[in-house]
């Protein structure tokens, strides 16, 4: 009988990571999957032609923004998202959403809601499908015209998150009412005077050319005030007390998502401003301008949602937002 002697052999790698990653992490040492998926991935040379639609810039050009950074990879994502970790996280959150829908359906919670609560939820949330779609378009623009994979990859994930939120809102509308509620929300978005200030602001963001200004306008100012106002003050603190617990359960992804993404948004804005006094001045002006516009645009929406308590809730939202951006060194 022949015996086989099995032994474990340690094979040491010739290199611990890629050369273009090593120069960003301080030498040839093991890198995380996020670092290997992000650092050094931005195309920087061998462009064959300038785009015919924008001959003043290269295909990938940091000069599209007024922000100047020596290294665009300082705009790192503290969540360390690359494709695998992002999809795993969102899949787990989607399972939680499905579980909530199952619970609400099995307990008949939607049927127990009053017509007033149902109508209020649809009146407020259905037009916001269009705001979420605009968030998808704006972050796709940041991905396309921003610079540095640390920023653009995360912006692409953020764009798809907004699309998912629009779909969740659509699903909510179909769950609590007839399909016509979607058309009613679209009609309000297009024709109701109370929505037109927000609609104007959203459409103005969609024609911004500076990807970093768009980042501040959409991801910091608009989302930073809209989500706490609607999913916090309106749904969690107002609608739930009127018997709208099912609404809170079926929209639970949105506030959880916003709190998570705020870490990334704040980190990007803070890092961009920290590079120079000029950057800080520019970002500060953007924060002030767009925060003021967002507050004005949300004033009619706050009244739709919360009635006579709307302006107080909006003021509290602005106060909380001011405290948030103050941590990054800004005082809007």
C-alpha atoms as a PDB file:
ATOM      1  CA  UNK A   1       0.000   0.000   0.000  1.00  0.00           C
ATOM      2  CA  UNK A   2       1.328   3.422  -0.941  1.00  0.00           C
ATOM      3  CA  UNK A   3       1.125   6.083   1.747  1.00  0.00           C
ATOM      4  CA  UNK A   4       0.515   9.709   0.901  1.00  0.00           C
ATOM      5  CA  UNK A   5       2.085  12.350   3.074  1.00  0.00           C
ATOM      6  CA  UNK A   6      -0.022  15.509   2.977  1.00  0.00           C
ATOM      7  CA  UNK A   7       1.610  18.690   4.160  1.00  0.00           C
ATOM      8  CA  UNK A   8       0.448  22.272   4.250  1.00  0.00           C
ATOM      9  CA  UNK A   9       2.636  24.689   2.371  1.00  0.00           C
ATOM     10  CA  UNK A  10       2.450  28.446   2.721  1.00  0.00           C
ATOM     11  CA  UNK A  11       2.787  30.218  -0.619  1.00  0.00           C
ATOM     12  CA  UNK A  12       3.844  33.782  -0.160  1.00  0.00           C
ATOM     13  CA  UNK A  13       2.556  36.173  -2.824  1.00  0.00           C
ATOM     14  CA  UNK A  14       5.120  38.024  -4.896  1.00  0.00           C
ATOM     15  CA  UNK A  15       3.158  41.225  -4.315  1.00  0.00           C
ATOM     16  CA  UNK A  16       0.516  42.067  -1.756  1.00  0.00           C
ATOM     17  CA  UNK A  17      -1.516  44.362  -4.006  1.00  0.00           C
ATOM     18  CA  UNK A  18      -1.496  46.123  -7.342  1.00  0.00           C
ATOM     19  CA  UNK A  19       1.233  48.658  -8.041  1.00  0.00           C
ATOM     20  CA  UNK A  20      -1.214  51.484  -8.688  1.00  0.00           C
ATOM     21  CA  UNK A  21      -2.931  50.756  -5.359  1.00  0.00           C
ATOM     22  CA  UNK A  22       0.327  50.468  -3.414  1.00  0.00           C
ATOM     23  CA  UNK A  23       1.234  54.099  -4.035  1.00  0.00           C
ATOM     24  CA  UNK A  24      -2.012  55.210  -2.367  1.00  0.00           C
ATOM     25  CA  UNK A  25      -1.707  53.035   0.741  1.00  0.00           C
ATOM     26  CA  UNK A  26       1.956  53.627   1.498  1.00  0.00           C
ATOM     27  CA  UNK A  27       3.742  50.728  -0.161  1.00  0.00           C
ATOM     28  CA  UNK A  28       3.303  47.081  -1.030  1.00  0.00           C
ATOM     29  CA  UNK A  29       1.103  45.828   1.780  1.00  0.00           C
ATOM     30  CA  UNK A  30      -2.257  44.021   1.876  1.00  0.00           C
ATOM     31  CA  UNK A  31      -5.095  46.246   0.669  1.00  0.00           C
ATOM     32  CA  UNK A  32      -8.798  46.014   1.352  1.00  0.00           C
ATOM     33  CA  UNK A  33     -11.196  45.100  -1.415  1.00  0.00           C
ATOM     34  CA  UNK A  34     -12.514  48.663  -1.290  1.00  0.00           C
ATOM     35  CA  UNK A  35      -9.029  50.073  -1.827  1.00  0.00           C
ATOM     36  CA  UNK A  36      -8.316  47.735  -4.712  1.00  0.00           C
ATOM     37  CA  UNK A  37     -11.666  48.552  -6.345  1.00  0.00           C
ATOM     38  CA  UNK A  38     -11.217  52.298  -5.925  1.00  0.00           C
ATOM     39  CA  UNK A  39      -7.694  53.676  -5.795  1.00  0.00           C
ATOM     40  CA  UNK A  40      -6.006  54.454  -9.084  1.00  0.00           C
ATOM     41  CA  UNK A  41      -8.960  53.386 -11.214  1.00  0.00           C
ATOM     42  CA  UNK A  42      -9.678  56.851 -12.652  1.00  0.00           C
ATOM     43  CA  UNK A  43      -8.509  57.096 -16.303  1.00  0.00           C
ATOM     44  CA  UNK A  44      -5.940  59.895 -16.551  1.00  0.00           C
ATOM     45  CA  UNK A  45      -4.222  59.640 -19.923  1.00  0.00           C
ATOM     46  CA  UNK A  46      -4.311  58.345 -23.513  1.00  0.00           C
ATOM     47  CA  UNK A  47      -7.574  60.101 -24.342  1.00  0.00           C
ATOM     48  CA  UNK A  48      -7.888  60.112 -28.132  1.00  0.00           C
ATOM     49  CA  UNK A  49     -10.046  63.194 -28.510  1.00  0.00           C
ATOM     50  CA  UNK A  50     -11.929  65.819 -26.568  1.00  0.00           C
ATOM     51  CA  UNK A  51     -15.695  65.285 -26.496  1.00  0.00           C
ATOM     52  CA  UNK A  52     -17.407  67.076 -29.350  1.00  0.00           C
ATOM     53  CA  UNK A  53     -20.174  68.195 -26.987  1.00  0.00           C
ATOM     54  CA  UNK A  54     -17.645  69.775 -24.608  1.00  0.00           C
ATOM     55  CA  UNK A  55     -14.376  70.527 -26.415  1.00  0.00           C
ATOM     56  CA  UNK A  56     -13.113  72.666 -23.513  1.00  0.00           C
ATOM     57  CA  UNK A  57     -12.568  69.518 -21.410  1.00  0.00           C
ATOM     58  CA  UNK A  58     -11.036  66.088 -21.673  1.00  0.00           C
ATOM     59  CA  UNK A  59     -13.314  63.052 -21.436  1.00  0.00           C
ATOM     60  CA  UNK A  60     -12.405  62.822 -17.743  1.00  0.00           C
ATOM     61  CA  UNK A  61     -11.458  66.249 -16.457  1.00  0.00           C
ATOM     62  CA  UNK A  62     -11.181  67.551 -12.901  1.00  0.00           C
ATOM     63  CA  UNK A  63     -11.533  71.089 -14.274  1.00  0.00           C
ATOM     64  CA  UNK A  64     -15.280  70.590 -14.654  1.00  0.00           C
ATOM     65  CA  UNK A  65     -15.578  71.589 -11.004  1.00  0.00           C
ATOM     66  CA  UNK A  66     -14.567  74.796  -9.248  1.00  0.00           C
ATOM     67  CA  UNK A  67     -13.185  72.594  -6.461  1.00  0.00           C
ATOM     68  CA  UNK A  68      -9.462  71.929  -6.749  1.00  0.00           C
ATOM     69  CA  UNK A  69      -7.914  68.850  -5.154  1.00  0.00           C
ATOM     70  CA  UNK A  70      -4.372  67.569  -5.400  1.00  0.00           C
ATOM     71  CA  UNK A  71      -5.669  64.028  -4.903  1.00  0.00           C
ATOM     72  CA  UNK A  72      -9.323  63.282  -5.673  1.00  0.00           C
ATOM     73  CA  UNK A  73      -9.072  60.014  -3.785  1.00  0.00           C
ATOM     74  CA  UNK A  74      -9.331  61.970  -0.517  1.00  0.00           C
ATOM     75  CA  UNK A  75     -13.090  61.855  -1.148  1.00  0.00           C
ATOM     76  CA  UNK A  76     -13.250  58.354   0.295  1.00  0.00           C
ATOM     77  CA  UNK A  77     -16.426  56.590   1.326  1.00  0.00           C
ATOM     78  CA  UNK A  78     -16.345  55.796   5.075  1.00  0.00           C
ATOM     79  CA  UNK A  79     -18.776  52.946   4.388  1.00  0.00           C
ATOM     80  CA  UNK A  80     -16.085  51.293   2.209  1.00  0.00           C
ATOM     81  CA  UNK A  81     -18.640  50.447  -0.462  1.00  0.00           C
ATOM     82  CA  UNK A  82     -17.607  48.730  -3.642  1.00  0.00           C
ATOM     83  CA  UNK A  83     -20.015  46.726  -5.791  1.00  0.00           C
ATOM     84  CA  UNK A  84     -20.114  43.573  -3.655  1.00  0.00           C
ATOM     85  CA  UNK A  85     -20.523  45.250  -0.264  1.00  0.00           C
ATOM     86  CA  UNK A  86     -23.105  47.679  -1.614  1.00  0.00           C
ATOM     87  CA  UNK A  87     -25.239  44.957  -3.218  1.00  0.00           C
ATOM     88  CA  UNK A  88     -25.002  42.719  -0.137  1.00  0.00           C
ATOM     89  CA  UNK A  89     -26.111  45.571   2.121  1.00  0.00           C
ATOM     90  CA  UNK A  90     -28.993  46.609  -0.102  1.00  0.00           C
ATOM     91  CA  UNK A  91     -30.125  42.996  -0.561  1.00  0.00           C
ATOM     92  CA  UNK A  92     -30.289  42.568   3.210  1.00  0.00           C
ATOM     93  CA  UNK A  93     -32.274  45.812   3.548  1.00  0.00           C
ATOM     94  CA  UNK A  94     -34.639  44.708   0.781  1.00  0.00           C
ATOM     95  CA  UNK A  95     -35.314  41.503   2.701  1.00  0.00           C
ATOM     96  CA  UNK A  96     -36.311  43.645   5.677  1.00  0.00           C
ATOM     97  CA  UNK A  97     -38.674  45.644   3.456  1.00  0.00           C
ATOM     98  CA  UNK A  98     -40.236  42.426   2.166  1.00  0.00           C
ATOM     99  CA  UNK A  99     -40.656  41.209   5.742  1.00  0.00           C
ATOM    100  CA  UNK A 100     -42.419  44.470   6.632  1.00  0.00           C
ATOM    101  CA  UNK A 101     -44.785  44.116   3.685  1.00  0.00           C
ATOM    102  CA  UNK A 102     -45.520  40.554   4.750  1.00  0.00           C
ATOM    103  CA  UNK A 103     -46.200  41.612   8.324  1.00  0.00           C
ATOM    104  CA  UNK A 104     -48.443  44.516   7.305  1.00  0.00           C
ATOM    105  CA  UNK A 105     -50.378  42.278   4.919  1.00  0.00           C
ATOM    106  CA  UNK A 106     -50.754  39.379   7.356  1.00  0.00           C
ATOM    107  CA  UNK A 107     -52.054  41.665  10.099  1.00  0.00           C
ATOM    108  CA  UNK A 108     -54.330  43.644   7.805  1.00  0.00           C
ATOM    109  CA  UNK A 109     -52.776  46.916   8.939  1.00  0.00           C
ATOM    110  CA  UNK A 110     -53.518  48.765   5.707  1.00  0.00           C
ATOM    111  CA  UNK A 111     -57.213  47.994   5.997  1.00  0.00           C
ATOM    112  CA  UNK A 112     -57.223  49.438   9.502  1.00  0.00           C
ATOM    113  CA  UNK A 113     -55.903  52.814   8.393  1.00  0.00           C
ATOM    114  CA  UNK A 114     -58.453  55.584   8.162  1.00  0.00           C
ATOM    115  CA  UNK A 115     -59.192  57.177   4.814  1.00  0.00           C
ATOM    116  CA  UNK A 116     -57.696  60.437   6.076  1.00  0.00           C
ATOM    117  CA  UNK A 117     -54.363  58.799   6.853  1.00  0.00           C
ATOM    118  CA  UNK A 118     -54.346  56.921   3.550  1.00  0.00           C
ATOM    119  CA  UNK A 119     -55.149  60.042   1.541  1.00  0.00           C
ATOM    120  CA  UNK A 120     -52.589  62.119   3.417  1.00  0.00           C
ATOM    121  CA  UNK A 121     -49.810  59.583   2.859  1.00  0.00           C
ATOM    122  CA  UNK A 122     -50.541  59.341  -0.854  1.00  0.00           C
ATOM    123  CA  UNK A 123     -50.908  63.104  -1.240  1.00  0.00           C
ATOM    124  CA  UNK A 124     -47.451  63.655   0.272  1.00  0.00           C
ATOM    125  CA  UNK A 125     -45.484  60.648  -0.934  1.00  0.00           C
ATOM    126  CA  UNK A 126     -46.618  60.149  -4.521  1.00  0.00           C
ATOM    127  CA  UNK A 127     -45.143  63.403  -5.889  1.00  0.00           C
ATOM    128  CA  UNK A 128     -41.874  62.509  -4.173  1.00  0.00           C
ATOM    129  CA  UNK A 129     -41.448  59.671  -6.664  1.00  0.00           C
ATOM    130  CA  UNK A 130     -40.376  62.370  -9.120  1.00  0.00           C
ATOM    131  CA  UNK A 131     -37.940  63.906  -6.640  1.00  0.00           C
ATOM    132  CA  UNK A 132     -36.321  60.498  -6.159  1.00  0.00           C
ATOM    133  CA  UNK A 133     -36.069  60.026  -9.928  1.00  0.00           C
ATOM    134  CA  UNK A 134     -34.312  63.392 -10.201  1.00  0.00           C
ATOM    135  CA  UNK A 135     -31.910  62.235  -7.468  1.00  0.00           C
ATOM    136  CA  UNK A 136     -31.120  59.243  -9.659  1.00  0.00           C
ATOM    137  CA  UNK A 137     -30.424  61.471 -12.667  1.00  0.00           C
ATOM    138  CA  UNK A 138     -28.319  63.931 -10.664  1.00  0.00           C
ATOM    139  CA  UNK A 139     -26.101  61.287  -9.122  1.00  0.00           C
ATOM    140  CA  UNK A 140     -25.701  59.639 -12.513  1.00  0.00           C
ATOM    141  CA  UNK A 141     -24.427  63.021 -13.746  1.00  0.00           C
ATOM    142  CA  UNK A 142     -21.963  63.168 -10.840  1.00  0.00           C
ATOM    143  CA  UNK A 143     -20.786  59.686 -11.763  1.00  0.00           C
ATOM    144  CA  UNK A 144     -20.381  60.643 -15.420  1.00  0.00           C
ATOM    145  CA  UNK A 145     -18.737  64.045 -15.038  1.00  0.00           C
ATOM    146  CA  UNK A 146     -17.167  63.912 -11.579  1.00  0.00           C
ATOM    147  CA  UNK A 147     -13.541  62.963 -11.084  1.00  0.00           C
ATOM    148  CA  UNK A 148     -11.927  60.188  -9.109  1.00  0.00           C
ATOM    149  CA  UNK A 149     -13.363  56.734  -8.600  1.00  0.00           C
ATOM    150  CA  UNK A 150     -13.755  57.342  -4.866  1.00  0.00           C
ATOM    151  CA  UNK A 151     -16.439  59.911  -5.718  1.00  0.00           C
ATOM    152  CA  UNK A 152     -17.931  58.589  -8.947  1.00  0.00           C
ATOM    153  CA  UNK A 153     -18.374  54.949  -7.915  1.00  0.00           C
ATOM    154  CA  UNK A 154     -20.195  55.923  -4.728  1.00  0.00           C
ATOM    155  CA  UNK A 155     -22.312  58.410  -6.693  1.00  0.00           C
ATOM    156  CA  UNK A 156     -23.348  55.612  -9.042  1.00  0.00           C
ATOM    157  CA  UNK A 157     -24.463  53.471  -6.102  1.00  0.00           C
ATOM    158  CA  UNK A 158     -26.306  56.502  -4.722  1.00  0.00           C
ATOM    159  CA  UNK A 159     -28.040  57.009  -8.068  1.00  0.00           C
ATOM    160  CA  UNK A 160     -29.369  53.468  -8.015  1.00  0.00           C
ATOM    161  CA  UNK A 161     -30.485  53.926  -4.413  1.00  0.00           C
ATOM    162  CA  UNK A 162     -32.621  56.881  -5.499  1.00  0.00           C
ATOM    163  CA  UNK A 163     -34.139  54.788  -8.268  1.00  0.00           C
ATOM    164  CA  UNK A 164     -34.931  52.093  -5.719  1.00  0.00           C
ATOM    165  CA  UNK A 165     -36.614  54.674  -3.478  1.00  0.00           C
ATOM    166  CA  UNK A 166     -38.770  55.841  -6.388  1.00  0.00           C
ATOM    167  CA  UNK A 167     -39.786  52.214  -6.923  1.00  0.00           C
ATOM    168  CA  UNK A 168     -40.523  51.720  -3.224  1.00  0.00           C
ATOM    169  CA  UNK A 169     -42.779  54.776  -3.289  1.00  0.00           C
ATOM    170  CA  UNK A 170     -44.541  53.424  -6.358  1.00  0.00           C
ATOM    171  CA  UNK A 171     -45.042  50.077  -4.649  1.00  0.00           C
ATOM    172  CA  UNK A 172     -46.382  51.834  -1.553  1.00  0.00           C
ATOM    173  CA  UNK A 173     -48.928  53.747  -3.620  1.00  0.00           C
ATOM    174  CA  UNK A 174     -50.141  50.576  -5.330  1.00  0.00           C
ATOM    175  CA  UNK A 175     -50.348  48.780  -1.975  1.00  0.00           C
ATOM    176  CA  UNK A 176     -52.529  51.358  -0.233  1.00  0.00           C
ATOM    177  CA  UNK A 177     -54.673  52.601  -3.121  1.00  0.00           C
ATOM    178  CA  UNK A 178     -55.658  52.147  -6.764  1.00  0.00           C
ATOM    179  CA  UNK A 179     -53.159  52.720  -9.630  1.00  0.00           C
ATOM    180  CA  UNK A 180     -54.790  56.069 -10.273  1.00  0.00           C
ATOM    181  CA  UNK A 181     -53.020  57.403  -7.184  1.00  0.00           C
ATOM    182  CA  UNK A 182     -49.786  57.469  -9.199  1.00  0.00           C
ATOM    183  CA  UNK A 183     -51.373  59.661 -11.861  1.00  0.00           C
ATOM    184  CA  UNK A 184     -52.783  61.908  -9.148  1.00  0.00           C
ATOM    185  CA  UNK A 185     -49.304  62.336  -7.689  1.00  0.00           C
ATOM    186  CA  UNK A 186     -47.892  63.169 -11.110  1.00  0.00           C
ATOM    187  CA  UNK A 187     -50.654  65.692 -11.694  1.00  0.00           C
ATOM    188  CA  UNK A 188     -49.895  67.348  -8.340  1.00  0.00           C
ATOM    189  CA  UNK A 189     -46.207  67.448  -9.214  1.00  0.00           C
ATOM    190  CA  UNK A 190     -46.950  69.137 -12.535  1.00  0.00           C
ATOM    191  CA  UNK A 191     -49.870  71.379 -11.668  1.00  0.00           C
ATOM    192  CA  UNK A 192     -50.462  71.895  -7.936  1.00  0.00           C
ATOM    193  CA  UNK A 193     -49.022  75.349  -7.076  1.00  0.00           C
ATOM    194  CA  UNK A 194     -47.857  74.068  -3.703  1.00  0.00           C
ATOM    195  CA  UNK A 195     -45.417  71.672  -5.352  1.00  0.00           C
ATOM    196  CA  UNK A 196     -44.068  74.036  -7.982  1.00  0.00           C
ATOM    197  CA  UNK A 197     -41.371  75.691  -5.852  1.00  0.00           C
ATOM    198  CA  UNK A 198     -39.840  72.291  -5.097  1.00  0.00           C
ATOM    199  CA  UNK A 199     -40.286  71.222  -8.691  1.00  0.00           C
ATOM    200  CA  UNK A 200     -38.465  74.361  -9.871  1.00  0.00           C
ATOM    201  CA  UNK A 201     -35.607  73.699  -7.477  1.00  0.00           C
ATOM    202  CA  UNK A 202     -35.328  70.069  -8.575  1.00  0.00           C
ATOM    203  CA  UNK A 203     -35.281  71.042 -12.245  1.00  0.00           C
ATOM    204  CA  UNK A 204     -32.661  73.706 -11.558  1.00  0.00           C
ATOM    205  CA  UNK A 205     -30.385  71.087  -9.999  1.00  0.00           C
ATOM    206  CA  UNK A 206     -30.736  68.971 -13.112  1.00  0.00           C
ATOM    207  CA  UNK A 207     -29.025  71.619 -15.267  1.00  0.00           C
ATOM    208  CA  UNK A 208     -26.065  72.293 -12.955  1.00  0.00           C
ATOM    209  CA  UNK A 209     -22.752  71.720 -14.719  1.00  0.00           C
ATOM    210  CA  UNK A 210     -20.390  71.507 -11.749  1.00  0.00           C
ATOM    211  CA  UNK A 211     -20.587  67.956 -10.329  1.00  0.00           C
ATOM    212  CA  UNK A 212     -19.402  69.066  -6.887  1.00  0.00           C
ATOM    213  CA  UNK A 213     -21.977  71.837  -6.647  1.00  0.00           C
ATOM    214  CA  UNK A 214     -24.608  69.325  -7.702  1.00  0.00           C
ATOM    215  CA  UNK A 215     -23.345  67.003  -4.969  1.00  0.00           C
ATOM    216  CA  UNK A 216     -23.914  69.732  -2.380  1.00  0.00           C
ATOM    217  CA  UNK A 217     -27.288  70.770  -3.804  1.00  0.00           C
ATOM    218  CA  UNK A 218     -28.758  67.268  -4.186  1.00  0.00           C
ATOM    219  CA  UNK A 219     -27.079  65.007  -1.675  1.00  0.00           C
ATOM    220  CA  UNK A 220     -26.406  67.445   1.150  1.00  0.00           C
ATOM    221  CA  UNK A 221     -29.009  70.214   1.011  1.00  0.00           C
ATOM    222  CA  UNK A 222     -32.078  68.655  -0.653  1.00  0.00           C
ATOM    223  CA  UNK A 223     -31.840  65.134   0.745  1.00  0.00           C
ATOM    224  CA  UNK A 224     -30.485  66.446   4.025  1.00  0.00           C
ATOM    225  CA  UNK A 225     -33.677  68.396   4.721  1.00  0.00           C
ATOM    226  CA  UNK A 226     -36.297  66.462   2.746  1.00  0.00           C
ATOM    227  CA  UNK A 227     -35.772  63.060   4.350  1.00  0.00           C
ATOM    228  CA  UNK A 228     -35.823  64.173   8.018  1.00  0.00           C
ATOM    229  CA  UNK A 229     -38.884  66.332   7.326  1.00  0.00           C
ATOM    230  CA  UNK A 230     -40.943  63.731   5.469  1.00  0.00           C
ATOM    231  CA  UNK A 231     -39.830  60.407   6.945  1.00  0.00           C
ATOM    232  CA  UNK A 232     -39.099  61.787  10.400  1.00  0.00           C
ATOM    233  CA  UNK A 233     -41.355  64.688  11.354  1.00  0.00           C
ATOM    234  CA  UNK A 234     -44.244  63.705   9.076  1.00  0.00           C
ATOM    235  CA  UNK A 235     -44.370  59.908   9.046  1.00  0.00           C
ATOM    236  CA  UNK A 236     -42.668  58.855  12.287  1.00  0.00           C
ATOM    237  CA  UNK A 237     -43.810  61.699  14.531  1.00  0.00           C
ATOM    238  CA  UNK A 238     -47.144  62.766  13.011  1.00  0.00           C
ATOM    239  CA  UNK A 239     -48.741  60.104  10.838  1.00  0.00           C
ATOM    240  CA  UNK A 240     -47.912  57.211  13.168  1.00  0.00           C
ATOM    241  CA  UNK A 241     -49.807  58.861  16.000  1.00  0.00           C
ATOM    242  CA  UNK A 242     -52.872  59.000  13.746  1.00  0.00           C
ATOM    243  CA  UNK A 243     -52.808  55.274  13.042  1.00  0.00           C
ATOM    244  CA  UNK A 244     -50.282  55.276  10.209  1.00  0.00           C
ATOM    245  CA  UNK A 245     -47.893  52.711  11.657  1.00  0.00           C
ATOM    246  CA  UNK A 246     -48.137  50.716   8.436  1.00  0.00           C
ATOM    247  CA  UNK A 247     -46.883  53.732   6.479  1.00  0.00           C
ATOM    248  CA  UNK A 248     -43.808  53.936   8.702  1.00  0.00           C
ATOM    249  CA  UNK A 249     -43.145  50.218   8.271  1.00  0.00           C
ATOM    250  CA  UNK A 250     -43.494  50.277   4.477  1.00  0.00           C
ATOM    251  CA  UNK A 251     -41.183  53.274   4.150  1.00  0.00           C
ATOM    252  CA  UNK A 252     -38.649  52.190   6.777  1.00  0.00           C
ATOM    253  CA  UNK A 253     -35.860  51.882   4.209  1.00  0.00           C
ATOM    254  CA  UNK A 254     -35.794  55.619   3.443  1.00  0.00           C
ATOM    255  CA  UNK A 255     -34.783  57.072   6.841  1.00  0.00           C
ATOM    256  CA  UNK A 256     -32.381  54.180   7.453  1.00  0.00           C
ATOM    257  CA  UNK A 257     -30.801  54.803   4.056  1.00  0.00           C
ATOM    258  CA  UNK A 258     -30.558  58.543   4.621  1.00  0.00           C
ATOM    259  CA  UNK A 259     -28.812  58.172   7.982  1.00  0.00           C
ATOM    260  CA  UNK A 260     -26.319  55.758   6.459  1.00  0.00           C
ATOM    261  CA  UNK A 261     -25.591  57.874   3.388  1.00  0.00           C
ATOM    262  CA  UNK A 262     -25.224  61.061   5.435  1.00  0.00           C
ATOM    263  CA  UNK A 263     -21.908  59.677   6.695  1.00  0.00           C
ATOM    264  CA  UNK A 264     -20.614  59.495   3.129  1.00  0.00           C
ATOM    265  CA  UNK A 265     -22.024  62.876   2.060  1.00  0.00           C
ATOM    266  CA  UNK A 266     -20.585  64.654   5.091  1.00  0.00           C
ATOM    267  CA  UNK A 267     -17.187  63.014   4.612  1.00  0.00           C
ATOM    268  CA  UNK A 268     -16.997  64.111   0.962  1.00  0.00           C
ATOM    269  CA  UNK A 269     -18.003  67.706   1.670  1.00  0.00           C
ATOM    270  CA  UNK A 270     -15.646  67.980   4.635  1.00  0.00           C
ATOM    271  CA  UNK A 271     -12.685  66.537   2.719  1.00  0.00           C
ATOM    272  CA  UNK A 272     -13.296  68.765  -0.301  1.00  0.00           C
ATOM    273  CA  UNK A 273     -13.461  71.906   1.837  1.00  0.00           C
ATOM    274  CA  UNK A 274     -10.411  70.987   3.925  1.00  0.00           C
ATOM    275  CA  UNK A 275      -8.058  71.145   0.932  1.00  0.00           C
ATOM    276  CA  UNK A 276      -7.836  74.946   0.810  1.00  0.00           C
ATOM    277  CA  UNK A 277      -9.409  78.184   1.944  1.00  0.00           C
ATOM    278  CA  UNK A 278     -10.698  78.728  -1.582  1.00  0.00           C
ATOM    279  CA  UNK A 279     -12.440  75.361  -1.569  1.00  0.00           C
ATOM    280  CA  UNK A 280     -13.955  76.092   1.838  1.00  0.00           C
ATOM    281  CA  UNK A 281     -15.284  79.423   0.603  1.00  0.00           C
ATOM    282  CA  UNK A 282     -16.829  77.891  -2.513  1.00  0.00           C
ATOM    283  CA  UNK A 283     -18.417  74.979  -0.667  1.00  0.00           C
ATOM    284  CA  UNK A 284     -19.689  77.308   2.048  1.00  0.00           C
ATOM    285  CA  UNK A 285     -21.415  79.500  -0.525  1.00  0.00           C
ATOM    286  CA  UNK A 286     -23.004  76.445  -2.135  1.00  0.00           C
ATOM    287  CA  UNK A 287     -24.232  75.162   1.212  1.00  0.00           C
ATOM    288  CA  UNK A 288     -25.769  78.530   2.092  1.00  0.00           C
ATOM    289  CA  UNK A 289     -27.410  79.081  -1.302  1.00  0.00           C
ATOM    290  CA  UNK A 290     -28.909  75.649  -1.723  1.00  0.00           C
ATOM    291  CA  UNK A 291     -29.980  75.195   1.888  1.00  0.00           C
ATOM    292  CA  UNK A 292     -31.934  78.452   1.768  1.00  0.00           C
ATOM    293  CA  UNK A 293     -33.554  77.435  -1.512  1.00  0.00           C
ATOM    294  CA  UNK A 294     -34.443  73.979  -0.201  1.00  0.00           C
ATOM    295  CA  UNK A 295     -36.049  75.431   2.917  1.00  0.00           C
ATOM    296  CA  UNK A 296     -38.165  77.788   0.812  1.00  0.00           C
ATOM    297  CA  UNK A 297     -39.141  74.948  -1.532  1.00  0.00           C
ATOM    298  CA  UNK A 298     -40.142  72.649   1.312  1.00  0.00           C
ATOM    299  CA  UNK A 299     -42.302  75.240   3.073  1.00  0.00           C
ATOM    300  CA  UNK A 300     -45.457  74.509   1.000  1.00  0.00           C
ATOM    301  CA  UNK A 301     -44.761  70.765   1.195  1.00  0.00           C
ATOM    302  CA  UNK A 302     -44.505  70.964   4.981  1.00  0.00           C
ATOM    303  CA  UNK A 303     -47.958  72.553   5.073  1.00  0.00           C
ATOM    304  CA  UNK A 304     -49.385  69.830   2.825  1.00  0.00           C
ATOM    305  CA  UNK A 305     -47.983  67.188   5.155  1.00  0.00           C
ATOM    306  CA  UNK A 306     -48.339  68.717   8.595  1.00  0.00           C
ATOM    307  CA  UNK A 307     -50.830  71.547   8.220  1.00  0.00           C
ATOM    308  CA  UNK A 308     -50.449  74.255  10.833  1.00  0.00           C
ATOM    309  CA  UNK A 309     -47.502  72.401  12.383  1.00  0.00           C
ATOM    310  CA  UNK A 310     -45.597  72.336   9.100  1.00  0.00           C
ATOM    311  CA  UNK A 311     -43.505  75.461   9.510  1.00  0.00           C
ATOM    312  CA  UNK A 312     -42.451  74.543  13.034  1.00  0.00           C
ATOM    313  CA  UNK A 313     -41.381  71.114  11.846  1.00  0.00           C
ATOM    314  CA  UNK A 314     -39.474  72.664   8.942  1.00  0.00           C
ATOM    315  CA  UNK A 315     -37.723  75.100  11.287  1.00  0.00           C
ATOM    316  CA  UNK A 316     -36.678  72.202  13.524  1.00  0.00           C
ATOM    317  CA  UNK A 317     -35.441  70.314  10.469  1.00  0.00           C
ATOM    318  CA  UNK A 318     -33.345  73.306   9.416  1.00  0.00           C
ATOM    319  CA  UNK A 319     -31.938  73.641  12.925  1.00  0.00           C
ATOM    320  CA  UNK A 320     -30.897  69.984  12.958  1.00  0.00           C
ATOM    321  CA  UNK A 321     -29.396  70.365   9.475  1.00  0.00           C
ATOM    322  CA  UNK A 322     -27.421  73.426  10.573  1.00  0.00           C
ATOM    323  CA  UNK A 323     -25.985  71.415  13.458  1.00  0.00           C
ATOM    324  CA  UNK A 324     -25.027  68.665  11.034  1.00  0.00           C
ATOM    325  CA  UNK A 325     -23.126  70.906   8.600  1.00  0.00           C
ATOM    326  CA  UNK A 326     -21.545  72.828  11.477  1.00  0.00           C
ATOM    327  CA  UNK A 327     -19.587  69.656  12.262  1.00  0.00           C
ATOM    328  CA  UNK A 328     -18.032  70.005   8.797  1.00  0.00           C
ATOM    329  CA  UNK A 329     -17.150  73.622   9.491  1.00  0.00           C
ATOM    330  CA  UNK A 330     -20.082  75.427   7.876  1.00  0.00           C
ATOM    331  CA  UNK A 331     -22.758  77.621   9.399  1.00  0.00           C
ATOM    332  CA  UNK A 332     -25.632  78.170   6.906  1.00  0.00           C
END
